[in-house]
C-alpha atoms as a PDB file:
ATOM      1  CA  MET A   1     -83.520 -49.780  18.603  1.00  0.00           C
ATOM      2  CA  PRO A   2     -80.891 -47.928  16.549  1.00  0.00           C
ATOM      3  CA  SER A   3     -79.620 -49.892  13.554  1.00  0.00           C
ATOM      4  CA  GLN A   4     -76.115 -51.209  13.864  1.00  0.00           C
ATOM      5  CA  LEU A   5     -73.664 -49.924  11.360  1.00  0.00           C
ATOM      6  CA  LEU A   6     -71.586 -52.472   9.516  1.00  0.00           C
ATOM      7  CA  PRO A   7     -67.828 -52.045   9.904  1.00  0.00           C
ATOM      8  CA  PRO A   8     -66.033 -50.721   6.814  1.00  0.00           C
ATOM      9  CA  PRO A   9     -64.617 -53.413   4.534  1.00  0.00           C
ATOM     10  CA  HIS A  10     -60.986 -54.286   4.476  1.00  0.00           C
ATOM     11  CA  ALA A  11     -58.616 -55.796   1.904  1.00  0.00           C
ATOM     12  CA  ALA A  12     -56.143 -58.599   2.649  1.00  0.00           C
ATOM     13  CA  VAL A  13     -52.821 -58.890   0.867  1.00  0.00           C
ATOM     14  CA  VAL A  14     -51.150 -62.335   0.625  1.00  0.00           C
ATOM     15  CA  TYR A  15     -47.625 -61.732  -0.612  1.00  0.00           C
ATOM     16  CA  ASN A  16     -44.457 -63.674  -1.294  1.00  0.00           C
ATOM     17  CA  PRO A  17     -41.682 -61.739   0.462  1.00  0.00           C
ATOM     18  CA  VAL A  18     -39.065 -63.385  -1.807  1.00  0.00           C
ATOM     19  CA  LYS A  19     -40.778 -62.152  -4.931  1.00  0.00           C
ATOM     20  CA  ILE A  20     -41.764 -58.535  -4.236  1.00  0.00           C
ATOM     21  CA  SER A  21     -40.573 -55.331  -2.604  1.00  0.00           C
ATOM     22  CA  LEU A  22     -43.459 -53.920  -0.593  1.00  0.00           C
ATOM     23  CA  ASP A  23     -42.774 -50.207  -0.820  1.00  0.00           C
ATOM     24  CA  HIS A  24     -44.658 -49.504  -4.121  1.00  0.00           C
ATOM     25  CA  LEU A  25     -47.354 -52.070  -3.293  1.00  0.00           C
ATOM     26  CA  ARG A  26     -48.068 -50.586   0.106  1.00  0.00           C
ATOM     27  CA  GLU A  27     -48.227 -47.090  -1.404  1.00  0.00           C
ATOM     28  CA  ALA A  28     -50.696 -48.176  -4.061  1.00  0.00           C
ATOM     29  CA  VAL A  29     -52.897 -50.170  -1.679  1.00  0.00           C
ATOM     30  CA  GLU A  30     -52.988 -47.313   0.868  1.00  0.00           C
ATOM     31  CA  ALA A  31     -53.962 -44.780  -1.830  1.00  0.00           C
ATOM     32  CA  GLU A  32     -56.903 -46.878  -2.961  1.00  0.00           C
ATOM     33  CA  ARG A  33     -57.934 -47.733   0.588  1.00  0.00           C
ATOM     34  CA  ARG A  34     -58.065 -44.090   1.636  1.00  0.00           C
ATOM     35  CA  ARG A  35     -59.940 -43.113  -1.548  1.00  0.00           C
ATOM     36  CA  ARG A  36     -62.728 -45.554  -0.672  1.00  0.00           C
ATOM     37  CA  SER A  37     -62.590 -45.115   3.095  1.00  0.00           C
ATOM     38  CA  TRP A  38     -61.936 -48.780   3.801  1.00  0.00           C
ATOM     39  CA  ALA A  39     -60.550 -50.101   7.018  1.00  0.00           C
ATOM     40  CA  PRO A  40     -56.752 -50.639   7.285  1.00  0.00           C
ATOM     41  CA  THR A  41     -55.473 -53.351   4.972  1.00  0.00           C
ATOM     42  CA  ARG A  42     -54.193 -56.555   6.578  1.00  0.00           C
ATOM     43  CA  TRP A  43     -50.976 -58.119   5.323  1.00  0.00           C
ATOM     44  CA  TYR A  44     -50.049 -61.841   5.317  1.00  0.00           C
ATOM     45  CA  PRO A  45     -46.582 -63.013   4.156  1.00  0.00           C
ATOM     46  CA  THR A  46     -46.263 -66.550   2.809  1.00  0.00           C
ATOM     47  CA  ASP A  47     -43.696 -69.010   4.036  1.00  0.00           C
ATOM     48  CA  ARG A  48     -41.655 -71.548   2.131  1.00  0.00           C
ATOM     49  CA  GLY A  49     -43.450 -74.531   3.677  1.00  0.00           C
ATOM     50  CA  ASP A  50     -46.905 -74.162   2.106  1.00  0.00           C
ATOM     51  CA  SER A  51     -46.635 -71.566  -0.745  1.00  0.00           C
ATOM     52  CA  GLY A  52     -49.235 -69.373   0.965  1.00  0.00           C
ATOM     53  CA  LEU A  53     -52.015 -71.711   2.111  1.00  0.00           C
ATOM     54  CA  ARG A  54     -51.571 -70.818   5.778  1.00  0.00           C
ATOM     55  CA  ALA A  55     -51.493 -67.066   5.015  1.00  0.00           C
ATOM     56  CA  ALA A  56     -54.550 -67.370   2.804  1.00  0.00           C
ATOM     57  CA  ARG A  57     -56.562 -69.246   5.426  1.00  0.00           C
ATOM     58  CA  GLU A  58     -55.701 -66.592   8.048  1.00  0.00           C
ATOM     59  CA  ALA A  59     -56.749 -63.905   5.614  1.00  0.00           C
ATOM     60  CA  VAL A  60     -60.090 -65.564   4.800  1.00  0.00           C
ATOM     61  CA  GLU A  61     -60.900 -66.101   8.509  1.00  0.00           C
ATOM     62  CA  ALA A  62     -60.750 -62.331   9.027  1.00  0.00           C
ATOM     63  CA  GLY A  63     -63.576 -61.799   6.483  1.00  0.00           C
ATOM     64  CA  PRO A  64     -61.907 -59.578   3.857  1.00  0.00           C
ATOM     65  CA  GLU A  65     -63.779 -57.905   1.015  1.00  0.00           C
ATOM     66  CA  VAL A  66     -61.013 -58.972  -1.388  1.00  0.00           C
ATOM     67  CA  VAL A  67     -57.753 -60.902  -1.264  1.00  0.00           C
ATOM     68  CA  ILE A  68     -54.891 -59.375  -3.227  1.00  0.00           C
ATOM     69  CA  VAL A  69     -52.221 -61.936  -4.202  1.00  0.00           C
ATOM     70  CA  ALA A  70     -48.734 -60.614  -4.834  1.00  0.00           C
ATOM     71  CA  GLY A  71     -46.798 -63.642  -6.037  1.00  0.00           C
ATOM     72  CA  GLY A  72     -46.520 -66.261  -8.732  1.00  0.00           C
ATOM     73  CA  ASP A  73     -48.778 -69.076  -9.956  1.00  0.00           C
ATOM     74  CA  GLY A  74     -47.919 -71.230  -6.949  1.00  0.00           C
ATOM     75  CA  THR A  75     -49.051 -68.576  -4.525  1.00  0.00           C
ATOM     76  CA  LEU A  76     -52.224 -67.988  -6.502  1.00  0.00           C
ATOM     77  CA  ARG A  77     -52.975 -71.719  -6.435  1.00  0.00           C
ATOM     78  CA  ALA A  78     -52.556 -71.857  -2.666  1.00  0.00           C
ATOM     79  CA  VAL A  79     -54.806 -68.859  -2.127  1.00  0.00           C
ATOM     80  CA  ALA A  80     -57.418 -70.323  -4.505  1.00  0.00           C
ATOM     81  CA  GLU A  81     -57.442 -73.501  -2.389  1.00  0.00           C
ATOM     82  CA  ALA A  82     -58.380 -71.357   0.600  1.00  0.00           C
ATOM     83  CA  LEU A  83     -60.927 -69.211  -1.269  1.00  0.00           C
ATOM     84  CA  GLN A  84     -62.830 -72.061  -2.978  1.00  0.00           C
ATOM     85  CA  ARG A  85     -66.457 -72.330  -1.949  1.00  0.00           C
ATOM     86  CA  THR A  86     -66.388 -68.689  -0.651  1.00  0.00           C
ATOM     87  CA  GLU A  87     -67.621 -65.533  -2.317  1.00  0.00           C
ATOM     88  CA  VAL A  88     -64.396 -63.663  -1.653  1.00  0.00           C
ATOM     89  CA  PRO A  89     -62.787 -62.441  -4.902  1.00  0.00           C
ATOM     90  CA  LEU A  90     -59.102 -62.736  -5.696  1.00  0.00           C
ATOM     91  CA  ALA A  91     -57.065 -59.913  -7.265  1.00  0.00           C
ATOM     92  CA  ILE A  92     -53.859 -60.824  -9.091  1.00  0.00           C
ATOM     93  CA  LEU A  93     -50.653 -58.841  -8.811  1.00  0.00           C
ATOM     94  CA  PRO A  94     -48.229 -61.037 -10.841  1.00  0.00           C
ATOM     95  CA  CYS A  95     -44.761 -61.257  -9.306  1.00  0.00           C
ATOM     96  CA  GLY A  96     -43.660 -64.796 -10.226  1.00  0.00           C
ATOM     97  CA  THR A  97     -41.394 -66.398 -12.797  1.00  0.00           C
ATOM     98  CA  GLY A  98     -44.018 -67.501 -15.342  1.00  0.00           C
ATOM     99  CA  ASN A  99     -47.197 -65.636 -14.256  1.00  0.00           C
ATOM    100  CA  LEU A 100     -49.136 -68.005 -16.550  1.00  0.00           C
ATOM    101  CA  LEU A 101     -52.591 -67.326 -15.070  1.00  0.00           C
ATOM    102  CA  ALA A 102     -52.056 -63.556 -15.450  1.00  0.00           C
ATOM    103  CA  ARG A 103     -50.943 -64.073 -19.044  1.00  0.00           C
ATOM    104  CA  ASN A 104     -53.989 -66.190 -19.828  1.00  0.00           C
ATOM    105  CA  LEU A 105     -56.313 -63.629 -18.265  1.00  0.00           C
ATOM    106  CA  GLY A 106     -54.614 -60.618 -19.903  1.00  0.00           C
ATOM    107  CA  VAL A 107     -53.600 -59.079 -16.599  1.00  0.00           C
ATOM    108  CA  PRO A 108     -50.784 -56.547 -17.028  1.00  0.00           C
ATOM    109  CA  LEU A 109     -47.542 -57.960 -15.696  1.00  0.00           C
ATOM    110  CA  LYS A 110     -45.827 -54.761 -14.583  1.00  0.00           C
ATOM    111  CA  ASP A 111     -48.593 -52.355 -13.552  1.00  0.00           C
ATOM    112  CA  ILE A 112     -49.119 -52.358  -9.791  1.00  0.00           C
ATOM    113  CA  PRO A 113     -51.534 -49.378  -9.685  1.00  0.00           C
ATOM    114  CA  SER A 114     -53.899 -50.957 -12.238  1.00  0.00           C
ATOM    115  CA  ALA A 115     -53.894 -54.325 -10.403  1.00  0.00           C
ATOM    116  CA  VAL A 116     -54.570 -52.670  -7.065  1.00  0.00           C
ATOM    117  CA  ARG A 117     -57.297 -50.417  -8.579  1.00  0.00           C
ATOM    118  CA  ALA A 118     -59.052 -53.545  -9.951  1.00  0.00           C
ATOM    119  CA  ALA A 119     -59.048 -55.082  -6.522  1.00  0.00           C
ATOM    120  CA  PHE A 120     -60.951 -52.168  -4.973  1.00  0.00           C
ATOM    121  CA  THR A 121     -63.546 -51.564  -7.763  1.00  0.00           C
ATOM    122  CA  GLY A 122     -65.647 -54.673  -7.001  1.00  0.00           C
ATOM    123  CA  ALA A 123     -65.831 -55.752 -10.624  1.00  0.00           C
ATOM    124  CA  THR A 124     -65.284 -59.547 -10.992  1.00  0.00           C
ATOM    125  CA  GLN A 125     -65.637 -62.397 -13.397  1.00  0.00           C
ATOM    126  CA  SER A 126     -65.646 -66.112 -12.595  1.00  0.00           C
ATOM    127  CA  ILE A 127     -63.131 -68.732 -13.714  1.00  0.00           C
ATOM    128  CA  ASP A 128     -63.018 -72.493 -13.335  1.00  0.00           C
ATOM    129  CA  ILE A 129     -61.037 -74.289 -10.655  1.00  0.00           C
ATOM    130  CA  ALA A 130     -59.439 -77.640 -11.459  1.00  0.00           C
ATOM    131  CA  VAL A 131     -59.542 -80.235  -8.647  1.00  0.00           C
ATOM    132  CA  ALA A 132     -56.739 -82.831  -8.578  1.00  0.00           C
ATOM    133  CA  THR A 133     -57.160 -85.934  -6.439  1.00  0.00           C
ATOM    134  CA  LEU A 134     -53.751 -87.526  -6.250  1.00  0.00           C
ATOM    135  CA  ARG A 135     -53.105 -91.136  -5.344  1.00  0.00           C
ATOM    136  CA  ARG A 136     -49.874 -91.627  -3.464  1.00  0.00           C
ATOM    137  CA  THR A 137     -47.636 -94.700  -3.678  1.00  0.00           C
ATOM    138  CA  GLY A 138     -49.023 -96.005  -0.413  1.00  0.00           C
ATOM    139  CA  GLY A 139     -52.578 -95.924  -1.782  1.00  0.00           C
ATOM    140  CA  GLU A 140     -53.793 -92.831   0.127  1.00  0.00           C
ATOM    141  CA  TRP A 141     -55.480 -89.937  -1.731  1.00  0.00           C
ATOM    142  CA  GLU A 142     -54.867 -86.163  -1.454  1.00  0.00           C
ATOM    143  CA  HIS A 143     -57.051 -83.344  -2.812  1.00  0.00           C
ATOM    144  CA  HIS A 144     -55.665 -80.091  -4.205  1.00  0.00           C
ATOM    145  CA  VAL A 145     -56.802 -77.433  -6.650  1.00  0.00           C
ATOM    146  CA  PHE A 146     -54.975 -75.731  -9.450  1.00  0.00           C
ATOM    147  CA  LEU A 147     -55.794 -72.840 -11.835  1.00  0.00           C
ATOM    148  CA  VAL A 148     -53.366 -73.252 -14.739  1.00  0.00           C
ATOM    149  CA  MET A 149     -51.867 -76.719 -15.369  1.00  0.00           C
ATOM    150  CA  ALA A 150     -51.029 -80.068 -13.815  1.00  0.00           C
ATOM    151  CA  GLY A 151     -48.092 -81.870 -15.314  1.00  0.00           C
ATOM    152  CA  ILE A 152     -46.293 -85.222 -15.158  1.00  0.00           C
ATOM    153  CA  GLY A 153     -43.002 -85.706 -16.978  1.00  0.00           C
ATOM    154  CA  LEU A 154     -41.094 -82.682 -18.254  1.00  0.00           C
ATOM    155  CA  ASP A 155     -43.372 -80.215 -16.488  1.00  0.00           C
ATOM    156  CA  SER A 156     -42.913 -81.860 -13.121  1.00  0.00           C
ATOM    157  CA  GLU A 157     -39.184 -82.211 -13.564  1.00  0.00           C
ATOM    158  CA  MET A 158     -38.980 -78.499 -14.123  1.00  0.00           C
ATOM    159  CA  ALA A 159     -40.814 -77.907 -10.819  1.00  0.00           C
ATOM    160  CA  GLU A 160     -38.766 -80.451  -8.888  1.00  0.00           C
ATOM    161  CA  HIS A 161     -35.279 -79.518 -10.166  1.00  0.00           C
ATOM    162  CA  THR A 162     -35.283 -75.774 -10.637  1.00  0.00           C
ATOM    163  CA  ASN A 163     -33.565 -73.706  -8.023  1.00  0.00           C
ATOM    164  CA  ALA A 164     -35.754 -70.997  -6.408  1.00  0.00           C
ATOM    165  CA  ILE A 165     -32.826 -68.557  -6.176  1.00  0.00           C
ATOM    166  CA  ALA A 166     -32.018 -69.075  -9.844  1.00  0.00           C
ATOM    167  CA  LYS A 167     -35.651 -68.392 -10.799  1.00  0.00           C
ATOM    168  CA  LYS A 168     -35.563 -65.118  -8.955  1.00  0.00           C
ATOM    169  CA  ARG A 169     -32.275 -63.988 -10.530  1.00  0.00           C
ATOM    170  CA  ILE A 170     -32.663 -65.144 -14.155  1.00  0.00           C
ATOM    171  CA  GLY A 171     -36.333 -65.945 -14.505  1.00  0.00           C
ATOM    172  CA  TRP A 172     -37.281 -68.546 -17.178  1.00  0.00           C
ATOM    173  CA  LEU A 173     -33.591 -69.154 -17.997  1.00  0.00           C
ATOM    174  CA  ALA A 174     -33.445 -71.165 -14.791  1.00  0.00           C
ATOM    175  CA  TYR A 175     -35.527 -73.826 -16.548  1.00  0.00           C
ATOM    176  CA  VAL A 176     -33.008 -74.430 -19.349  1.00  0.00           C
ATOM    177  CA  GLN A 177     -30.990 -77.078 -17.535  1.00  0.00           C
ATOM    178  CA  PRO A 178     -33.931 -79.319 -16.388  1.00  0.00           C
ATOM    179  CA  ILE A 179     -35.592 -78.970 -19.782  1.00  0.00           C
ATOM    180  CA  THR A 180     -32.412 -79.914 -21.649  1.00  0.00           C
ATOM    181  CA  ARG A 181     -31.789 -82.874 -19.323  1.00  0.00           C
ATOM    182  CA  SER A 182     -35.309 -84.202 -19.825  1.00  0.00           C
ATOM    183  CA  VAL A 183     -35.379 -83.708 -23.577  1.00  0.00           C
ATOM    184  CA  LEU A 184     -32.077 -85.397 -24.132  1.00  0.00           C
ATOM    185  CA  ALA A 185     -33.035 -88.390 -22.026  1.00  0.00           C
ATOM    186  CA  ASN A 186     -36.515 -88.538 -23.762  1.00  0.00           C
ATOM    187  CA  ARG A 187     -37.778 -91.290 -21.420  1.00  0.00           C
ATOM    188  CA  HIS A 188     -41.377 -92.332 -22.031  1.00  0.00           C
ATOM    189  CA  PHE A 189     -43.661 -94.029 -19.479  1.00  0.00           C
ATOM    190  CA  SER A 190     -46.769 -96.173 -19.730  1.00  0.00           C
ATOM    191  CA  LEU A 191     -50.230 -94.946 -18.580  1.00  0.00           C
ATOM    192  CA  ARG A 192     -53.864 -95.871 -18.713  1.00  0.00           C
ATOM    193  CA  TYR A 193     -56.435 -93.070 -18.888  1.00  0.00           C
ATOM    194  CA  ARG A 194     -60.121 -92.267 -19.240  1.00  0.00           C
ATOM    195  CA  ILE A 195     -61.924 -89.068 -20.352  1.00  0.00           C
ATOM    196  CA  ASP A 196     -65.307 -88.435 -18.705  1.00  0.00           C
ATOM    197  CA  GLY A 197     -65.617 -92.054 -17.563  1.00  0.00           C
ATOM    198  CA  GLY A 198     -65.241 -93.388 -21.123  1.00  0.00           C
ATOM    199  CA  PRO A 199     -63.329 -96.450 -22.216  1.00  0.00           C
ATOM    200  CA  ALA A 200     -59.845 -96.964 -20.698  1.00  0.00           C
ATOM    201  CA  ARG A 201     -57.024 -96.351 -23.098  1.00  0.00           C
ATOM    202  CA  SER A 202     -53.306 -97.292 -22.899  1.00  0.00           C
ATOM    203  CA  THR A 203     -50.420 -95.348 -24.290  1.00  0.00           C
ATOM    204  CA  ARG A 204     -46.875 -94.184 -23.663  1.00  0.00           C
ATOM    205  CA  ALA A 205     -45.814 -90.566 -23.326  1.00  0.00           C
ATOM    206  CA  HIS A 206     -42.932 -88.410 -22.176  1.00  0.00           C
ATOM    207  CA  THR A 207     -45.157 -85.745 -20.622  1.00  0.00           C
ATOM    208  CA  VAL A 208     -48.863 -85.398 -19.768  1.00  0.00           C
ATOM    209  CA  ILE A 209     -50.371 -81.997 -19.014  1.00  0.00           C
ATOM    210  CA  VAL A 210     -53.969 -81.249 -17.938  1.00  0.00           C
ATOM    211  CA  GLY A 211     -54.739 -77.571 -18.351  1.00  0.00           C
ATOM    212  CA  ASN A 212     -57.391 -75.062 -17.322  1.00  0.00           C
ATOM    213  CA  CYS A 213     -55.794 -72.548 -19.730  1.00  0.00           C
ATOM    214  CA  GLY A 214     -53.138 -72.992 -22.365  1.00  0.00           C
ATOM    215  CA  THR A 215     -50.697 -70.105 -22.927  1.00  0.00           C
ATOM    216  CA  LEU A 216     -47.075 -70.432 -21.858  1.00  0.00           C
ATOM    217  CA  ALA A 217     -44.453 -67.708 -21.556  1.00  0.00           C
ATOM    218  CA  GLY A 218     -42.981 -66.499 -24.849  1.00  0.00           C
ATOM    219  CA  ASN A 219     -46.454 -66.618 -26.502  1.00  0.00           C
ATOM    220  CA  MET A 220     -46.215 -70.367 -26.942  1.00  0.00           C
ATOM    221  CA  LEU A 221     -49.686 -71.948 -27.019  1.00  0.00           C
ATOM    222  CA  LEU A 222     -49.715 -75.434 -25.534  1.00  0.00           C
ATOM    223  CA  LEU A 223     -53.476 -76.017 -25.370  1.00  0.00           C
ATOM    224  CA  PRO A 224     -55.065 -74.097 -28.235  1.00  0.00           C
ATOM    225  CA  GLU A 225     -58.691 -74.797 -27.284  1.00  0.00           C
ATOM    226  CA  ALA A 226     -58.334 -74.182 -23.543  1.00  0.00           C
ATOM    227  CA  VAL A 227     -60.521 -71.455 -22.076  1.00  0.00           C
ATOM    228  CA  VAL A 228     -60.362 -70.602 -18.376  1.00  0.00           C
ATOM    229  CA  ASP A 229     -64.139 -70.281 -17.949  1.00  0.00           C
ATOM    230  CA  ASP A 230     -65.606 -72.960 -20.291  1.00  0.00           C
ATOM    231  CA  GLY A 231     -66.189 -75.720 -17.668  1.00  0.00           C
ATOM    232  CA  LEU A 232     -63.812 -78.048 -19.464  1.00  0.00           C
ATOM    233  CA  LEU A 233     -60.240 -79.411 -19.026  1.00  0.00           C
ATOM    234  CA  ASP A 234     -57.824 -79.771 -21.884  1.00  0.00           C
ATOM    235  CA  VAL A 235     -55.270 -82.603 -21.991  1.00  0.00           C
ATOM    236  CA  VAL A 236     -52.128 -82.933 -24.109  1.00  0.00           C
ATOM    237  CA  MET A 237     -49.689 -85.865 -24.219  1.00  0.00           C
ATOM    238  CA  LEU A 238     -46.236 -85.201 -25.625  1.00  0.00           C
ATOM    239  CA  ARG A 239     -44.798 -88.261 -27.353  1.00  0.00           C
ATOM    240  CA  PRO A 240     -41.782 -87.247 -29.432  1.00  0.00           C
ATOM    241  CA  GLU A 241     -39.633 -90.079 -30.737  1.00  0.00           C
ATOM    242  CA  SER A 242     -36.410 -88.059 -31.192  1.00  0.00           C
ATOM    243  CA  LEU A 243     -34.789 -84.688 -30.806  1.00  0.00           C
ATOM    244  CA  PHE A 244     -36.231 -83.777 -34.165  1.00  0.00           C
ATOM    245  CA  GLY A 245     -39.625 -84.562 -32.717  1.00  0.00           C
ATOM    246  CA  TRP A 246     -39.010 -82.144 -29.904  1.00  0.00           C
ATOM    247  CA  ALA A 247     -37.988 -79.472 -32.443  1.00  0.00           C
ATOM    248  CA  ARG A 248     -41.264 -79.995 -34.314  1.00  0.00           C
ATOM    249  CA  ILE A 249     -43.238 -79.667 -31.028  1.00  0.00           C
ATOM    250  CA  GLY A 250     -41.515 -76.395 -30.240  1.00  0.00           C
ATOM    251  CA  THR A 251     -42.251 -75.091 -33.740  1.00  0.00           C
ATOM    252  CA  ARG A 252     -45.893 -76.161 -33.537  1.00  0.00           C
ATOM    253  CA  LEU A 253     -46.457 -74.496 -30.142  1.00  0.00           C
ATOM    254  CA  THR A 254     -44.890 -71.254 -31.406  1.00  0.00           C
ATOM    255  CA  ALA A 255     -47.046 -71.383 -34.548  1.00  0.00           C
ATOM    256  CA  GLN A 256     -50.225 -71.885 -32.488  1.00  0.00           C
ATOM    257  CA  GLY A 257     -49.348 -68.802 -30.485  1.00  0.00           C
ATOM    258  CA  VAL A 258     -48.785 -66.755 -33.637  1.00  0.00           C
ATOM    259  CA  ALA A 259     -51.990 -68.111 -35.179  1.00  0.00           C
ATOM    260  CA  ARG A 260     -54.090 -66.338 -32.463  1.00  0.00           C
ATOM    261  CA  VAL A 261     -53.151 -62.927 -33.962  1.00  0.00           C
ATOM    262  CA  SER A 262     -52.452 -63.781 -37.599  1.00  0.00           C
ATOM    263  CA  ARG A 263     -55.054 -65.034 -40.061  1.00  0.00           C
ATOM    264  CA  LEU A 264     -52.339 -66.211 -42.422  1.00  0.00           C
ATOM    265  CA  ALA A 265     -50.703 -68.259 -39.684  1.00  0.00           C
ATOM    266  CA  THR A 266     -54.111 -69.692 -38.805  1.00  0.00           C
ATOM    267  CA  ARG A 267     -54.740 -70.874 -42.386  1.00  0.00           C
ATOM    268  CA  LEU A 268     -51.280 -72.378 -42.641  1.00  0.00           C
ATOM    269  CA  LEU A 269     -51.744 -74.182 -39.350  1.00  0.00           C
ATOM    270  CA  GLU A 270     -55.149 -75.566 -40.446  1.00  0.00           C
ATOM    271  CA  ARG A 271     -53.478 -77.149 -43.470  1.00  0.00           C
ATOM    272  CA  ALA A 272     -50.577 -78.573 -41.534  1.00  0.00           C
ATOM    273  CA  PRO A 273     -50.737 -82.349 -40.885  1.00  0.00           C
ATOM    274  CA  LYS A 274     -51.570 -83.581 -37.389  1.00  0.00           C
ATOM    275  CA  MET A 275     -48.626 -84.544 -35.220  1.00  0.00           C
ATOM    276  CA  ARG A 276     -48.478 -87.971 -33.651  1.00  0.00           C
ATOM    277  CA  ALA A 277     -46.175 -86.394 -31.043  1.00  0.00           C
ATOM    278  CA  LEU A 278     -49.001 -84.248 -29.737  1.00  0.00           C
ATOM    279  CA  VAL A 279     -52.210 -85.950 -28.647  1.00  0.00           C
ATOM    280  CA  TYR A 280     -55.097 -83.732 -27.480  1.00  0.00           C
ATOM    281  CA  ALA A 281     -58.309 -84.473 -25.542  1.00  0.00           C
ATOM    282  CA  ARG A 282     -61.007 -82.505 -23.770  1.00  0.00           C
ATOM    283  CA  GLY A 283     -63.523 -83.236 -21.018  1.00  0.00           C
ATOM    284  CA  ARG A 284     -64.767 -82.579 -17.566  1.00  0.00           C
ATOM    285  CA  ARG A 285     -62.810 -85.362 -15.886  1.00  0.00           C
ATOM    286  CA  PHE A 286     -59.429 -87.026 -16.540  1.00  0.00           C
ATOM    287  CA  ASP A 287     -58.537 -90.280 -14.793  1.00  0.00           C
ATOM    288  CA  VAL A 288     -55.000 -91.709 -15.127  1.00  0.00           C
ATOM    289  CA  ARG A 289     -52.935 -94.532 -13.666  1.00  0.00           C
ATOM    290  CA  PHE A 290     -49.227 -95.324 -13.960  1.00  0.00           C
ATOM    291  CA  ASP A 291     -47.278 -98.592 -13.755  1.00  0.00           C
ATOM    292  CA  THR A 292     -44.520 -96.850 -11.741  1.00  0.00           C
ATOM    293  CA  PRO A 293     -44.613 -93.730  -9.545  1.00  0.00           C
ATOM    294  CA  HIS A 294     -44.088 -90.368 -11.244  1.00  0.00           C
ATOM    295  CA  THR A 295     -43.718 -86.824  -9.889  1.00  0.00           C
ATOM    296  CA  VAL A 296     -46.464 -84.306 -10.426  1.00  0.00           C
ATOM    297  CA  GLN A 297     -46.628 -80.496 -10.398  1.00  0.00           C
ATOM    298  CA  LEU A 298     -49.592 -78.225  -9.904  1.00  0.00           C
ATOM    299  CA  ASP A 299     -49.152 -74.645 -11.163  1.00  0.00           C
ATOM    300  CA  GLY A 300     -45.417 -74.922 -10.982  1.00  0.00           C
ATOM    301  CA  ASP A 301     -45.152 -76.425  -7.461  1.00  0.00           C
ATOM    302  CA  GLY A 302     -43.918 -80.030  -7.064  1.00  0.00           C
ATOM    303  CA  PHE A 303     -46.216 -82.420  -5.182  1.00  0.00           C
ATOM    304  CA  GLY A 304     -44.047 -85.476  -5.056  1.00  0.00           C
ATOM    305  CA  GLU A 305     -44.699 -88.987  -6.510  1.00  0.00           C
ATOM    306  CA  ILE A 306     -48.064 -90.434  -7.407  1.00  0.00           C
ATOM    307  CA  ILE A 307     -49.290 -93.611  -9.072  1.00  0.00           C
ATOM    308  CA  GLY A 308     -52.591 -92.120 -10.303  1.00  0.00           C
ATOM    309  CA  ALA A 309     -54.912 -89.094 -10.351  1.00  0.00           C
ATOM    310  CA  ARG A 310     -58.504 -88.041 -10.802  1.00  0.00           C
ATOM    311  CA  ILE A 311     -58.717 -84.456 -12.171  1.00  0.00           C
ATOM    312  CA  GLY A 312     -62.031 -82.715 -12.528  1.00  0.00           C
ATOM    313  CA  VAL A 313     -63.245 -79.162 -13.001  1.00  0.00           C
ATOM    314  CA  ARG A 314     -65.404 -76.876 -10.764  1.00  0.00           C
ATOM    315  CA  PRO A 315     -67.081 -74.386 -13.142  1.00  0.00           C
ATOM    316  CA  ASP A 316     -67.103 -70.767 -11.983  1.00  0.00           C
ATOM    317  CA  GLY A 317     -65.332 -71.870  -8.754  1.00  0.00           C
ATOM    318  CA  LEU A 318     -63.348 -68.613  -8.210  1.00  0.00           C
ATOM    319  CA  ARG A 319     -64.081 -64.922  -8.623  1.00  0.00           C
ATOM    320  CA  ILE A 320     -61.298 -62.843 -10.172  1.00  0.00           C
ATOM    321  CA  CYS A 321     -61.105 -59.040  -9.950  1.00  0.00           C
ATOM    322  CA  VAL A 322     -60.979 -57.447 -13.398  1.00  0.00           C
ATOM    323  CA  SER A 323     -60.347 -53.915 -14.658  1.00  0.00           C
ATOM    324  CA  ASN A 324     -62.786 -54.282 -17.604  1.00  0.00           C
ATOM    325  CA  PRO A 325     -66.024 -55.900 -16.339  1.00  0.00           C
ATOM    326  CA  GLY A 326     -68.127 -57.659 -18.925  1.00  0.00           C
ATOM    327  CA  ARG A 327     -65.169 -58.138 -21.262  1.00  0.00           C
ATOM    328  CA  ALA A 328     -64.146 -61.665 -22.099  1.00  0.00           C
ATOM    329  CA  PHE A 329     -60.785 -62.805 -20.798  1.00  0.00           C
ATOM    330  CA  GLU A 330     -58.071 -62.464 -23.417  1.00  0.00           C
ATOM    331  CA  ALA A 331     -54.655 -64.112 -23.373  1.00  0.00           C
ATOM    332  CA  ASP A 332     -51.703 -61.759 -23.035  1.00  0.00           C
ATOM    333  CA  SER A 333     -49.102 -61.595 -25.796  1.00  0.00           C
ATOM    334  CA  GLY A 334     -46.661 -63.362 -23.492  1.00  0.00           C
ATOM    335  CA  VAL A 335     -44.205 -60.488 -23.632  1.00  0.00           C
ATOM    336  CA  ASP A 336     -43.408 -58.586 -20.499  1.00  0.00           C
ATOM    337  CA  GLY A 337     -43.678 -54.844 -20.617  1.00  0.00           C
END
């Protein structure tokens, strides 16, 4: 019997229609597709209701060779939730406000042809996926994944109270109002937590962040030991006692960012005293409970109120298309351009 020929592969593009103009993207994708004789690309717009999960699931069901994501960290998170436990790689075309995953992976922020070319080359590297099991106020549990950070406190207030239209028009400046309001109020909350099933500890904090990687926009380094493919989660608790404490935190995060590229800054930072306002921990699992409900965000998207969470890590849970195979991921400078 004659052997059956396999159909040519196709790419899927999950895109946020609010974030991107498709003209240049379609042109770049079509050029690479024709160069490699792939089948026509399939396009899946996201909708406001689920940040891209529905579109990603439809894309995966069609059996693509690669899923190109044109959007921000929230869209990437939703697509990763659909791609987990599959062998389908994800290609990043950063089009969001923060683009924190792209920054941490060293993906160029304004180079559509390079991002599309990486999607079609077949070269990939694996990164970890963080799995957040959230306990709602009624006692029920929900499971979600994230790639960058989960936050309670300042981080979640930014996600809940920042206008989407403002983010599109003025970018990170849209976060100034919610940040200012939260810093001025400086309300702390009580929590009990465990790292890797160890002893339970009690503390108070303004903000708790669990991260898979640690670089913020503006080259600020929140989690200096976080690596996206080390099989570990990094936790930081922000506990400033005053506005001066917040100023010191901002200075320290900026200094940690500079220290990555300056030996002098590294030596100075090593000699600096530890800050009680910044408490760090590392592990494979973080369990936390709260006395009162608090809002939570995952990769910049608000997920409502919770009274507790179990956050673990799935090592090498997602394949990412890269332009330089075999090269370790390097954080971007945090400066667009």
